[in-house]
Amino acid sequence: MMIGLSRLAALLLATSIAVCLSPDTGHSQVKKGHSLDAVPPPSGPSEQIPYEQPGIKPGVPVMSAKEFENAKRIYFERCAGCHGVLRKGATGKPLTPDVTRELGLEHLKAFITYGSPAGIASGRYFLVAANASNKVAVVDTKENKLVGLVETGPTPHPGRGANFVHPKFGPVWATSHLGDESIVLIGTDPEKHPDHAWKVVETLEGQGGGSLFIKTHPKSNNLWVDTPLNPDEDISQSVAVFDIKDLSKPYEVLPLAKWAGITDGPRRVVHGEYNKDGTEVWFSVWNTKDKTSAIVVVDDKTRKLKKVIKDKRLITPTGKFNVYNTVHDVY
């Protein structure tokens, strides 16, 4: 895998245009009970877009055609959901060559291997998902040191994660996974709950693998988990909602793609985002560029549909960010 990640770093340096992988093509995400390695490779790009062969420009490592294909596969499986299929950025930062060449190959290797910032758990502590290693690293930003390395499920992908107060274990931070249906809760209060700090205190079972984002709000009792990259359409077109006050209760499945009234295309449901007051959750219904996409607004208290937003300018919407929540780290 490390060889594959090195190739991916070289790909990010080399290619001026990434081949666009449509949301309806295959991914390496899994249903319950299936191994990540058992899933077949992606079926290929939705369009044939010209791209330059790595190694043409100075300072860019030479790659064989096979290495290049492997690197592209890794990118679409692990990176495109946040950084965009064209690497121009979505919920994550742009990874276009003008950015990556300035960072350099060694920086990219470290970035890919150890992950990118996932979220701040409580004030001075910073949680980073090292998804290639199936771990979450905990950094004390005041002391500038690593204070914990937590084993999670396969390929954690929290987005920013979700912070809430567990009825038994106190403050926790949650992440879902690309590789399986698990949702792990990590204790984040070393002062008042030292026995639980930087440990997995509980593991929930969601709909399946292929999750990109998990979300809650300080004023909410709901924990929302998407699964847009799951190969099962019933799972990728819906979200699971847990009751934070009683996590032993079964999650509720909301068929948001159906609520959107869109009848064709992959219609993958992705990225819940709260409004400032924590009363609404906005989800994207992610479709191919030639089909209708939408944003579905759900009432957080009742879990009922409030509004469907459609517009010809909504083309495969992914991340949506409430400015207040983003600036004030409300998540």
C-alpha atoms as a PDB file:
ATOM      1  CA  MET A   1       0.000   0.000   0.000  1.00  0.00           C
ATOM      2  CA  MET A   2       2.855   2.384   0.740  1.00  0.00           C
ATOM      3  CA  ILE A   3       4.047   1.951  -2.847  1.00  0.00           C
ATOM      4  CA  GLY A   4       0.559   2.820  -4.039  1.00  0.00           C
ATOM      5  CA  LEU A   5       0.500   5.951  -1.895  1.00  0.00           C
ATOM      6  CA  SER A   6       3.855   7.045  -3.302  1.00  0.00           C
ATOM      7  CA  ARG A   7       2.390   6.693  -6.773  1.00  0.00           C
ATOM      8  CA  LEU A   8      -0.592   8.752  -5.700  1.00  0.00           C
ATOM      9  CA  ALA A   9       1.741  11.511  -4.508  1.00  0.00           C
ATOM     10  CA  ALA A  10       3.442  11.465  -7.889  1.00  0.00           C
ATOM     11  CA  LEU A  11       0.054  11.633  -9.607  1.00  0.00           C
ATOM     12  CA  LEU A  12      -0.856  14.775  -7.659  1.00  0.00           C
ATOM     13  CA  LEU A  13       2.361  16.408  -8.816  1.00  0.00           C
ATOM     14  CA  ALA A  14       1.974  15.404 -12.427  1.00  0.00           C
ATOM     15  CA  THR A  15      -1.521  15.623 -13.749  1.00  0.00           C
ATOM     16  CA  SER A  16      -3.079  18.876 -14.821  1.00  0.00           C
ATOM     17  CA  ILE A  17      -6.526  17.301 -15.238  1.00  0.00           C
ATOM     18  CA  ALA A  18      -7.852  14.296 -13.374  1.00  0.00           C
ATOM     19  CA  VAL A  19     -10.137  11.930 -15.248  1.00  0.00           C
ATOM     20  CA  CYS A  20     -13.638  12.605 -14.011  1.00  0.00           C
ATOM     21  CA  LEU A  21     -15.133   9.596 -12.278  1.00  0.00           C
ATOM     22  CA  SER A  22     -18.879   9.830 -12.305  1.00  0.00           C
ATOM     23  CA  PRO A  23     -20.846   9.182  -9.073  1.00  0.00           C
ATOM     24  CA  ASP A  24     -22.484   6.151 -10.679  1.00  0.00           C
ATOM     25  CA  THR A  25     -19.226   4.242 -11.222  1.00  0.00           C
ATOM     26  CA  GLY A  26     -17.877   1.636  -8.840  1.00  0.00           C
ATOM     27  CA  HIS A  27     -15.905   2.305  -5.668  1.00  0.00           C
ATOM     28  CA  SER A  28     -14.098   0.179  -3.129  1.00  0.00           C
ATOM     29  CA  GLN A  29     -16.629   0.744  -0.392  1.00  0.00           C
ATOM     30  CA  VAL A  30     -18.347  -2.219   1.133  1.00  0.00           C
ATOM     31  CA  LYS A  31     -21.569  -3.569   2.496  1.00  0.00           C
ATOM     32  CA  LYS A  32     -21.735  -5.250   5.877  1.00  0.00           C
ATOM     33  CA  GLY A  33     -19.673  -8.399   6.160  1.00  0.00           C
ATOM     34  CA  HIS A  34     -17.552  -7.783   3.052  1.00  0.00           C
ATOM     35  CA  SER A  35     -13.823  -7.149   2.930  1.00  0.00           C
ATOM     36  CA  LEU A  36     -12.539  -3.926   1.385  1.00  0.00           C
ATOM     37  CA  ASP A  37     -10.056  -5.951  -0.668  1.00  0.00           C
ATOM     38  CA  ALA A  38     -12.810  -8.136  -2.107  1.00  0.00           C
ATOM     39  CA  VAL A  39     -14.519  -5.311  -3.963  1.00  0.00           C
ATOM     40  CA  PRO A  40     -13.736  -5.022  -7.695  1.00  0.00           C
ATOM     41  CA  PRO A  41     -11.968  -1.945  -9.053  1.00  0.00           C
ATOM     42  CA  PRO A  42     -13.842   1.084 -10.399  1.00  0.00           C
ATOM     43  CA  SER A  43     -15.471   0.520 -13.762  1.00  0.00           C
ATOM     44  CA  GLY A  44     -13.690   3.504 -15.279  1.00  0.00           C
ATOM     45  CA  PRO A  45     -14.140   7.186 -16.024  1.00  0.00           C
ATOM     46  CA  SER A  46     -17.402   8.604 -17.272  1.00  0.00           C
ATOM     47  CA  GLU A  47     -15.516  10.644 -19.865  1.00  0.00           C
ATOM     48  CA  GLN A  48     -12.194  10.311 -21.606  1.00  0.00           C
ATOM     49  CA  ILE A  49     -10.382  13.515 -20.714  1.00  0.00           C
ATOM     50  CA  PRO A  50      -6.834  14.010 -22.018  1.00  0.00           C
ATOM     51  CA  TYR A  51      -4.102  14.137 -19.386  1.00  0.00           C
ATOM     52  CA  GLU A  52      -0.335  14.280 -19.471  1.00  0.00           C
ATOM     53  CA  GLN A  53       1.805  11.257 -18.648  1.00  0.00           C
ATOM     54  CA  PRO A  54       3.695  11.663 -15.325  1.00  0.00           C
ATOM     55  CA  GLY A  55       7.390  12.327 -15.774  1.00  0.00           C
ATOM     56  CA  ILE A  56       7.132  14.825 -18.614  1.00  0.00           C
ATOM     57  CA  LYS A  57       7.712  17.897 -16.459  1.00  0.00           C
ATOM     58  CA  PRO A  58      10.948  18.366 -14.476  1.00  0.00           C
ATOM     59  CA  GLY A  59      10.750  17.192 -10.860  1.00  0.00           C
ATOM     60  CA  VAL A  60       7.800  14.880 -11.473  1.00  0.00           C
ATOM     61  CA  PRO A  61       8.550  11.158 -10.963  1.00  0.00           C
ATOM     62  CA  VAL A  62       8.172   8.872 -13.955  1.00  0.00           C
ATOM     63  CA  MET A  63       5.297   6.390 -13.696  1.00  0.00           C
ATOM     64  CA  SER A  64       4.345   3.443 -15.854  1.00  0.00           C
ATOM     65  CA  ALA A  65       0.862   3.215 -17.295  1.00  0.00           C
ATOM     66  CA  LYS A  66      -0.021   0.550 -14.710  1.00  0.00           C
ATOM     67  CA  GLU A  67       1.270   2.671 -11.828  1.00  0.00           C
ATOM     68  CA  PHE A  68      -0.674   5.653 -13.145  1.00  0.00           C
ATOM     69  CA  GLU A  69      -3.928   3.671 -13.290  1.00  0.00           C
ATOM     70  CA  ASN A  70      -3.354   2.374  -9.758  1.00  0.00           C
ATOM     71  CA  ALA A  71      -2.709   5.893  -8.473  1.00  0.00           C
ATOM     72  CA  LYS A  72      -5.881   7.210 -10.112  1.00  0.00           C
ATOM     73  CA  ARG A  73      -7.860   4.395  -8.525  1.00  0.00           C
ATOM     74  CA  ILE A  74      -6.535   5.230  -5.064  1.00  0.00           C
ATOM     75  CA  TYR A  75      -7.350   8.914  -5.566  1.00  0.00           C
ATOM     76  CA  PHE A  76     -10.967   8.272  -6.561  1.00  0.00           C
ATOM     77  CA  GLU A  77     -11.464   5.756  -3.775  1.00  0.00           C
ATOM     78  CA  ARG A  78      -9.971   7.790  -0.935  1.00  0.00           C
ATOM     79  CA  CYS A  79      -9.628  11.431  -1.937  1.00  0.00           C
ATOM     80  CA  ALA A  80     -12.137  12.579  -4.563  1.00  0.00           C
ATOM     81  CA  GLY A  81     -15.057  12.695  -2.142  1.00  0.00           C
ATOM     82  CA  CYS A  82     -13.489  15.689  -0.366  1.00  0.00           C
ATOM     83  CA  HIS A  83     -10.992  17.157  -2.827  1.00  0.00           C
ATOM     84  CA  GLY A  84     -13.179  16.818  -5.924  1.00  0.00           C
ATOM     85  CA  VAL A  85     -12.967  14.590  -8.982  1.00  0.00           C
ATOM     86  CA  LEU A  86     -11.094  17.361 -10.796  1.00  0.00           C
ATOM     87  CA  ARG A  87      -9.000  18.089  -7.689  1.00  0.00           C
ATOM     88  CA  LYS A  88     -10.263  21.680  -7.583  1.00  0.00           C
ATOM     89  CA  GLY A  89     -11.545  21.249  -4.037  1.00  0.00           C
ATOM     90  CA  ALA A  90     -14.947  20.517  -2.513  1.00  0.00           C
ATOM     91  CA  THR A  91     -15.187  19.947   1.224  1.00  0.00           C
ATOM     92  CA  GLY A  92     -11.396  19.576   1.157  1.00  0.00           C
ATOM     93  CA  LYS A  93      -8.751  21.914  -0.236  1.00  0.00           C
ATOM     94  CA  PRO A  94      -7.715  21.972  -3.916  1.00  0.00           C
ATOM     95  CA  LEU A  95      -5.011  19.518  -4.953  1.00  0.00           C
ATOM     96  CA  THR A  96      -4.253  20.942  -8.385  1.00  0.00           C
ATOM     97  CA  PRO A  97      -0.637  20.847  -9.631  1.00  0.00           C
ATOM     98  CA  ASP A  98       0.004  24.529  -8.874  1.00  0.00           C
ATOM     99  CA  VAL A  99      -0.596  23.642  -5.203  1.00  0.00           C
ATOM    100  CA  THR A 100       0.966  20.183  -5.043  1.00  0.00           C
ATOM    101  CA  ARG A 101       4.190  21.031  -6.892  1.00  0.00           C
ATOM    102  CA  GLU A 102       4.868  23.811  -4.433  1.00  0.00           C
ATOM    103  CA  LEU A 103       4.413  21.380  -1.533  1.00  0.00           C
ATOM    104  CA  GLY A 104       6.734  18.783  -3.025  1.00  0.00           C
ATOM    105  CA  LEU A 105       6.742  14.990  -3.198  1.00  0.00           C
ATOM    106  CA  GLU A 106       7.884  14.253   0.365  1.00  0.00           C
ATOM    107  CA  HIS A 107       5.237  16.548   1.856  1.00  0.00           C
ATOM    108  CA  LEU A 108       2.572  14.823  -0.220  1.00  0.00           C
ATOM    109  CA  LYS A 109       3.744  11.375   0.889  1.00  0.00           C
ATOM    110  CA  ALA A 110       3.437  12.412   4.533  1.00  0.00           C
ATOM    111  CA  PHE A 111       0.066  14.060   3.917  1.00  0.00           C
ATOM    112  CA  ILE A 112      -1.334  10.965   2.213  1.00  0.00           C
ATOM    113  CA  THR A 113       0.134   8.516   4.737  1.00  0.00           C
ATOM    114  CA  TYR A 114      -0.765  10.299   7.969  1.00  0.00           C
ATOM    115  CA  GLY A 115      -3.908  12.118   6.929  1.00  0.00           C
ATOM    116  CA  SER A 116      -5.340  15.602   7.033  1.00  0.00           C
ATOM    117  CA  PRO A 117      -6.980  17.557   9.860  1.00  0.00           C
ATOM    118  CA  ALA A 118     -10.280  16.040  10.885  1.00  0.00           C
ATOM    119  CA  GLY A 119     -11.421  18.256  13.698  1.00  0.00           C
ATOM    120  CA  ILE A 120     -10.829  19.846  17.077  1.00  0.00           C
ATOM    121  CA  ALA A 121     -12.252  17.719  19.841  1.00  0.00           C
ATOM    122  CA  SER A 122     -12.125  20.115  22.785  1.00  0.00           C
ATOM    123  CA  GLY A 123     -10.197  23.368  22.736  1.00  0.00           C
ATOM    124  CA  ARG A 124      -6.486  22.584  22.662  1.00  0.00           C
ATOM    125  CA  TYR A 125      -6.784  19.070  21.195  1.00  0.00           C
ATOM    126  CA  PHE A 126      -6.696  18.414  17.475  1.00  0.00           C
ATOM    127  CA  LEU A 127      -7.826  15.110  15.934  1.00  0.00           C
ATOM    128  CA  VAL A 128      -6.371  13.925  12.640  1.00  0.00           C
ATOM    129  CA  ALA A 129      -7.653  10.937  10.678  1.00  0.00           C
ATOM    130  CA  ALA A 130      -4.722   8.863   9.391  1.00  0.00           C
ATOM    131  CA  ASN A 131      -7.105   6.897   7.219  1.00  0.00           C
ATOM    132  CA  ALA A 132      -4.436   4.915   5.376  1.00  0.00           C
ATOM    133  CA  SER A 133      -3.353   3.500   8.759  1.00  0.00           C
ATOM    134  CA  ASN A 134      -6.851   3.041  10.236  1.00  0.00           C
ATOM    135  CA  LYS A 135      -6.005   5.362  13.112  1.00  0.00           C
ATOM    136  CA  VAL A 136      -6.928   8.746  14.539  1.00  0.00           C
ATOM    137  CA  ALA A 137      -4.065  10.809  15.947  1.00  0.00           C
ATOM    138  CA  VAL A 138      -4.654  13.236  18.834  1.00  0.00           C
ATOM    139  CA  VAL A 139      -2.415  16.300  19.028  1.00  0.00           C
ATOM    140  CA  ASP A 140      -2.138  18.712  21.958  1.00  0.00           C
ATOM    141  CA  THR A 141      -1.792  22.005  20.088  1.00  0.00           C
ATOM    142  CA  LYS A 142      -0.733  23.919  23.214  1.00  0.00           C
ATOM    143  CA  GLU A 143       2.121  21.537  24.036  1.00  0.00           C
ATOM    144  CA  ASN A 144       2.727  20.686  20.366  1.00  0.00           C
ATOM    145  CA  LYS A 145       2.899  16.949  20.988  1.00  0.00           C
ATOM    146  CA  LEU A 146       1.117  13.729  20.149  1.00  0.00           C
ATOM    147  CA  VAL A 147      -0.989  12.542  23.092  1.00  0.00           C
ATOM    148  CA  GLY A 148      -2.857   9.639  21.549  1.00  0.00           C
ATOM    149  CA  LEU A 149      -3.048   7.296  18.556  1.00  0.00           C
ATOM    150  CA  VAL A 150      -6.409   5.552  18.444  1.00  0.00           C
ATOM    151  CA  GLU A 151      -7.144   2.415  16.447  1.00  0.00           C
ATOM    152  CA  THR A 152     -10.401   2.738  14.503  1.00  0.00           C
ATOM    153  CA  GLY A 153     -12.213   0.777  11.829  1.00  0.00           C
ATOM    154  CA  PRO A 154     -10.953   0.537   8.240  1.00  0.00           C
ATOM    155  CA  THR A 155     -10.328   3.894   6.565  1.00  0.00           C
ATOM    156  CA  PRO A 156     -11.849   6.443   8.951  1.00  0.00           C
ATOM    157  CA  HIS A 157     -13.325   9.423   7.119  1.00  0.00           C
ATOM    158  CA  PRO A 158     -14.869  11.850   9.611  1.00  0.00           C
ATOM    159  CA  GLY A 159     -14.946  15.064   7.612  1.00  0.00           C
ATOM    160  CA  ARG A 160     -14.817  17.255  10.694  1.00  0.00           C
ATOM    161  CA  GLY A 161     -16.246  14.519  12.853  1.00  0.00           C
ATOM    162  CA  ALA A 162     -19.030  15.000  15.378  1.00  0.00           C
ATOM    163  CA  ASN A 163     -18.658  16.214  18.976  1.00  0.00           C
ATOM    164  CA  PHE A 164     -21.299  15.487  21.594  1.00  0.00           C
ATOM    165  CA  VAL A 165     -21.727  14.485  25.237  1.00  0.00           C
ATOM    166  CA  HIS A 166     -22.257  10.762  25.651  1.00  0.00           C
ATOM    167  CA  PRO A 167     -24.719   9.902  28.454  1.00  0.00           C
ATOM    168  CA  LYS A 168     -22.185   7.507  29.999  1.00  0.00           C
ATOM    169  CA  PHE A 169     -18.691   8.459  28.813  1.00  0.00           C
ATOM    170  CA  GLY A 170     -18.936  12.251  28.700  1.00  0.00           C
ATOM    171  CA  PRO A 171     -17.590  14.317  25.766  1.00  0.00           C
ATOM    172  CA  VAL A 172     -16.793  12.212  22.699  1.00  0.00           C
ATOM    173  CA  TRP A 173     -15.807  12.714  19.076  1.00  0.00           C
ATOM    174  CA  ALA A 174     -17.210  10.379  16.417  1.00  0.00           C
ATOM    175  CA  THR A 175     -16.020   9.201  13.027  1.00  0.00           C
ATOM    176  CA  SER A 176     -17.574   6.934  10.433  1.00  0.00           C
ATOM    177  CA  HIS A 177     -15.601   4.869   7.894  1.00  0.00           C
ATOM    178  CA  LEU A 178     -15.170   4.250   4.213  1.00  0.00           C
ATOM    179  CA  GLY A 179     -14.204   0.633   4.767  1.00  0.00           C
ATOM    180  CA  ASP A 180     -17.060  -0.705   6.890  1.00  0.00           C
ATOM    181  CA  GLU A 181     -20.263   0.160   8.733  1.00  0.00           C
ATOM    182  CA  SER A 182     -18.654   1.001  12.074  1.00  0.00           C
ATOM    183  CA  ILE A 183     -18.949   4.384  13.787  1.00  0.00           C
ATOM    184  CA  VAL A 184     -16.458   4.811  16.606  1.00  0.00           C
ATOM    185  CA  LEU A 185     -16.827   7.198  19.542  1.00  0.00           C
ATOM    186  CA  ILE A 186     -13.582   8.440  21.114  1.00  0.00           C
ATOM    187  CA  GLY A 187     -13.480  10.024  24.573  1.00  0.00           C
ATOM    188  CA  THR A 188     -12.150  13.600  24.483  1.00  0.00           C
ATOM    189  CA  ASP A 189     -12.151  14.869  28.081  1.00  0.00           C
ATOM    190  CA  PRO A 190      -8.872  14.003  29.845  1.00  0.00           C
ATOM    191  CA  GLU A 191      -9.665  16.290  32.810  1.00  0.00           C
ATOM    192  CA  LYS A 192     -13.107  15.099  33.926  1.00  0.00           C
ATOM    193  CA  HIS A 193     -13.145  11.678  32.229  1.00  0.00           C
ATOM    194  CA  PRO A 194      -9.477  10.588  32.188  1.00  0.00           C
ATOM    195  CA  ASP A 195     -10.284   6.871  32.052  1.00  0.00           C
ATOM    196  CA  HIS A 196     -12.050   7.334  28.716  1.00  0.00           C
ATOM    197  CA  ALA A 197      -9.810   9.974  27.121  1.00  0.00           C
ATOM    198  CA  TRP A 198      -8.335   9.094  23.717  1.00  0.00           C
ATOM    199  CA  LYS A 199      -9.905   5.633  23.715  1.00  0.00           C
ATOM    200  CA  VAL A 200     -12.739   4.122  21.708  1.00  0.00           C
ATOM    201  CA  VAL A 201     -15.542   4.058  24.267  1.00  0.00           C
ATOM    202  CA  GLU A 202     -18.275   2.690  22.012  1.00  0.00           C
ATOM    203  CA  THR A 203     -18.718   1.390  18.477  1.00  0.00           C
ATOM    204  CA  LEU A 204     -22.026   1.785  16.668  1.00  0.00           C
ATOM    205  CA  GLU A 205     -23.123  -0.136  13.595  1.00  0.00           C
ATOM    206  CA  GLY A 206     -24.425   1.962  10.734  1.00  0.00           C
ATOM    207  CA  GLN A 207     -25.939   1.085   7.361  1.00  0.00           C
ATOM    208  CA  GLY A 208     -22.666   0.116   5.692  1.00  0.00           C
ATOM    209  CA  GLY A 209     -19.292   1.322   4.467  1.00  0.00           C
ATOM    210  CA  GLY A 210     -18.709   4.186   2.097  1.00  0.00           C
ATOM    211  CA  SER A 211     -19.391   6.976   4.594  1.00  0.00           C
ATOM    212  CA  LEU A 212     -17.849  10.398   4.020  1.00  0.00           C
ATOM    213  CA  PHE A 213     -19.414  12.608   6.683  1.00  0.00           C
ATOM    214  CA  ILE A 214     -20.911  12.407  10.166  1.00  0.00           C
ATOM    215  CA  LYS A 215     -22.668  15.348  11.759  1.00  0.00           C
ATOM    216  CA  THR A 216     -24.415  16.675  14.843  1.00  0.00           C
ATOM    217  CA  HIS A 217     -24.966  20.065  16.528  1.00  0.00           C
ATOM    218  CA  PRO A 218     -24.748  21.247  20.177  1.00  0.00           C
ATOM    219  CA  LYS A 219     -28.507  21.881  20.169  1.00  0.00           C
ATOM    220  CA  SER A 220     -29.401  18.557  18.553  1.00  0.00           C
ATOM    221  CA  ASN A 221     -30.009  15.044  19.857  1.00  0.00           C
ATOM    222  CA  ASN A 222     -29.372  13.532  16.420  1.00  0.00           C
ATOM    223  CA  LEU A 223     -26.249  12.000  14.905  1.00  0.00           C
ATOM    224  CA  TRP A 224     -26.417  11.888  11.101  1.00  0.00           C
ATOM    225  CA  VAL A 225     -24.288   9.465   9.047  1.00  0.00           C
ATOM    226  CA  ASP A 226     -24.156   9.468   5.245  1.00  0.00           C
ATOM    227  CA  THR A 227     -23.015   6.551   3.044  1.00  0.00           C
ATOM    228  CA  PRO A 228     -22.749   8.027  -0.486  1.00  0.00           C
ATOM    229  CA  LEU A 229     -20.012   5.654  -1.702  1.00  0.00           C
ATOM    230  CA  ASN A 230     -21.749   2.424  -0.711  1.00  0.00           C
ATOM    231  CA  PRO A 231     -22.469   0.204  -3.749  1.00  0.00           C
ATOM    232  CA  ASP A 232     -26.016  -0.550  -2.535  1.00  0.00           C
ATOM    233  CA  GLU A 233     -28.370   2.111  -3.906  1.00  0.00           C
ATOM    234  CA  ASP A 234     -30.761   1.893  -0.952  1.00  0.00           C
ATOM    235  CA  ILE A 235     -27.846   2.749   1.326  1.00  0.00           C
ATOM    236  CA  SER A 236     -26.140   5.397  -0.831  1.00  0.00           C
ATOM    237  CA  GLN A 237     -29.447   7.212  -1.414  1.00  0.00           C
ATOM    238  CA  SER A 238     -30.352   7.524   2.276  1.00  0.00           C
ATOM    239  CA  VAL A 239     -28.923   8.582   5.643  1.00  0.00           C
ATOM    240  CA  ALA A 240     -28.936   6.928   9.058  1.00  0.00           C
ATOM    241  CA  VAL A 241     -29.934   8.957  12.134  1.00  0.00           C
ATOM    242  CA  PHE A 242     -29.009   7.927  15.687  1.00  0.00           C
ATOM    243  CA  ASP A 243     -30.527   9.231  18.926  1.00  0.00           C
ATOM    244  CA  ILE A 244     -27.615  10.596  20.993  1.00  0.00           C
ATOM    245  CA  LYS A 245     -29.605  10.312  24.226  1.00  0.00           C
ATOM    246  CA  ASP A 246     -30.123   6.580  23.667  1.00  0.00           C
ATOM    247  CA  LEU A 247     -27.578   5.103  21.275  1.00  0.00           C
ATOM    248  CA  SER A 248     -28.870   1.598  21.975  1.00  0.00           C
ATOM    249  CA  LYS A 249     -31.952   2.392  19.892  1.00  0.00           C
ATOM    250  CA  PRO A 250     -31.863   1.310  16.227  1.00  0.00           C
ATOM    251  CA  TYR A 251     -30.969   4.084  13.803  1.00  0.00           C
ATOM    252  CA  GLU A 252     -33.677   5.505  11.567  1.00  0.00           C
ATOM    253  CA  VAL A 253     -33.162   5.490   7.797  1.00  0.00           C
ATOM    254  CA  LEU A 254     -34.396   8.514   5.857  1.00  0.00           C
ATOM    255  CA  PRO A 255     -34.724   8.058   2.049  1.00  0.00           C
ATOM    256  CA  LEU A 256     -33.599  11.546   1.083  1.00  0.00           C
ATOM    257  CA  ALA A 257     -33.063  10.814  -2.612  1.00  0.00           C
ATOM    258  CA  LYS A 258     -36.682   9.653  -2.809  1.00  0.00           C
ATOM    259  CA  TRP A 259     -37.795  12.754  -0.945  1.00  0.00           C
ATOM    260  CA  ALA A 260     -35.992  14.858  -3.554  1.00  0.00           C
ATOM    261  CA  GLY A 261     -38.331  13.506  -6.214  1.00  0.00           C
ATOM    262  CA  ILE A 262     -35.505  12.605  -8.602  1.00  0.00           C
ATOM    263  CA  THR A 263     -36.179   9.348 -10.418  1.00  0.00           C
ATOM    264  CA  ASP A 264     -32.969   8.602 -12.348  1.00  0.00           C
ATOM    265  CA  GLY A 265     -29.215   8.687 -11.850  1.00  0.00           C
ATOM    266  CA  PRO A 266     -27.131   7.561  -8.873  1.00  0.00           C
ATOM    267  CA  ARG A 267     -28.654  10.188  -6.507  1.00  0.00           C
ATOM    268  CA  ARG A 268     -26.050   9.702  -3.787  1.00  0.00           C
ATOM    269  CA  VAL A 269     -26.870  11.508  -0.533  1.00  0.00           C
ATOM    270  CA  VAL A 270     -23.846  13.282   0.952  1.00  0.00           C
ATOM    271  CA  HIS A 271     -22.733  15.813   3.571  1.00  0.00           C
ATOM    272  CA  GLY A 272     -25.249  17.012   6.120  1.00  0.00           C
ATOM    273  CA  GLU A 273     -24.744  20.601   7.259  1.00  0.00           C
ATOM    274  CA  TYR A 274     -26.667  22.363  10.022  1.00  0.00           C
ATOM    275  CA  ASN A 275     -28.023  25.867   9.925  1.00  0.00           C
ATOM    276  CA  LYS A 276     -26.795  28.269  12.625  1.00  0.00           C
ATOM    277  CA  ASP A 277     -29.656  27.482  15.023  1.00  0.00           C
ATOM    278  CA  GLY A 278     -29.267  23.716  14.742  1.00  0.00           C
ATOM    279  CA  THR A 279     -32.873  23.286  13.645  1.00  0.00           C
ATOM    280  CA  GLU A 280     -32.258  22.183  10.038  1.00  0.00           C
ATOM    281  CA  VAL A 281     -29.866  19.778   8.303  1.00  0.00           C
ATOM    282  CA  TRP A 282     -29.059  20.308   4.623  1.00  0.00           C
ATOM    283  CA  PHE A 283     -28.023  17.300   2.513  1.00  0.00           C
ATOM    284  CA  SER A 284     -26.827  17.142  -1.093  1.00  0.00           C
ATOM    285  CA  VAL A 285     -28.339  14.668  -3.521  1.00  0.00           C
ATOM    286  CA  TRP A 286     -25.291  14.024  -5.684  1.00  0.00           C
ATOM    287  CA  ASN A 287     -26.107  13.156  -9.302  1.00  0.00           C
ATOM    288  CA  THR A 288     -24.222  13.062 -12.600  1.00  0.00           C
ATOM    289  CA  LYS A 289     -23.767  16.370 -14.387  1.00  0.00           C
ATOM    290  CA  ASP A 290     -26.375  15.556 -17.043  1.00  0.00           C
ATOM    291  CA  LYS A 291     -29.064  14.751 -14.473  1.00  0.00           C
ATOM    292  CA  THR A 292     -30.919  16.693 -11.793  1.00  0.00           C
ATOM    293  CA  SER A 293     -29.251  17.163  -8.412  1.00  0.00           C
ATOM    294  CA  ALA A 294     -30.792  18.751  -5.334  1.00  0.00           C
ATOM    295  CA  ILE A 295     -30.339  19.929  -1.768  1.00  0.00           C
ATOM    296  CA  VAL A 296     -32.771  18.431   0.734  1.00  0.00           C
ATOM    297  CA  VAL A 297     -33.528  20.354   3.939  1.00  0.00           C
ATOM    298  CA  VAL A 298     -34.635  18.210   6.900  1.00  0.00           C
ATOM    299  CA  ASP A 299     -36.190  19.375  10.164  1.00  0.00           C
ATOM    300  CA  ASP A 300     -33.746  18.177  12.816  1.00  0.00           C
ATOM    301  CA  LYS A 301     -36.339  17.750  15.585  1.00  0.00           C
ATOM    302  CA  THR A 302     -39.011  15.888  13.625  1.00  0.00           C
ATOM    303  CA  ARG A 303     -36.690  14.323  10.996  1.00  0.00           C
ATOM    304  CA  LYS A 304     -39.260  15.329   8.382  1.00  0.00           C
ATOM    305  CA  LEU A 305     -38.756  16.988   5.007  1.00  0.00           C
ATOM    306  CA  LYS A 306     -38.877  20.791   5.037  1.00  0.00           C
ATOM    307  CA  LYS A 307     -37.711  21.798   1.570  1.00  0.00           C
ATOM    308  CA  VAL A 308     -36.187  20.498  -1.665  1.00  0.00           C
ATOM    309  CA  ILE A 309     -33.959  22.960  -3.515  1.00  0.00           C
ATOM    310  CA  LYS A 310     -33.419  22.384  -7.232  1.00  0.00           C
ATOM    311  CA  ASP A 311     -31.684  24.638  -9.710  1.00  0.00           C
ATOM    312  CA  LYS A 312     -29.894  24.108 -13.013  1.00  0.00           C
ATOM    313  CA  ARG A 313     -26.807  25.622 -11.353  1.00  0.00           C
ATOM    314  CA  LEU A 314     -26.736  22.799  -8.796  1.00  0.00           C
ATOM    315  CA  ILE A 315     -24.437  20.365 -10.601  1.00  0.00           C
ATOM    316  CA  THR A 316     -23.316  17.454  -8.405  1.00  0.00           C
ATOM    317  CA  PRO A 317     -23.354  19.507  -5.170  1.00  0.00           C
ATOM    318  CA  THR A 318     -21.135  18.132  -2.446  1.00  0.00           C
ATOM    319  CA  GLY A 319     -20.092  20.231   0.568  1.00  0.00           C
ATOM    320  CA  LYS A 320     -22.262  23.045   1.884  1.00  0.00           C
ATOM    321  CA  PHE A 321     -21.021  25.153   4.765  1.00  0.00           C
ATOM    322  CA  ASN A 322     -22.888  27.427   7.136  1.00  0.00           C
ATOM    323  CA  VAL A 323     -20.571  30.395   7.573  1.00  0.00           C
ATOM    324  CA  TYR A 324     -21.276  30.883  11.283  1.00  0.00           C
ATOM    325  CA  ASN A 325     -20.773  27.211  12.133  1.00  0.00           C
ATOM    326  CA  THR A 326     -17.552  27.034  10.143  1.00  0.00           C
ATOM    327  CA  VAL A 327     -16.035  30.203  11.619  1.00  0.00           C
ATOM    328  CA  HIS A 328     -16.962  29.207  15.177  1.00  0.00           C
ATOM    329  CA  ASP A 329     -16.105  25.493  14.849  1.00  0.00           C
ATOM    330  CA  VAL A 330     -19.653  24.347  15.582  1.00  0.00           C
ATOM    331  CA  TYR A 331     -19.727  20.657  14.766  1.00  0.00           C
END
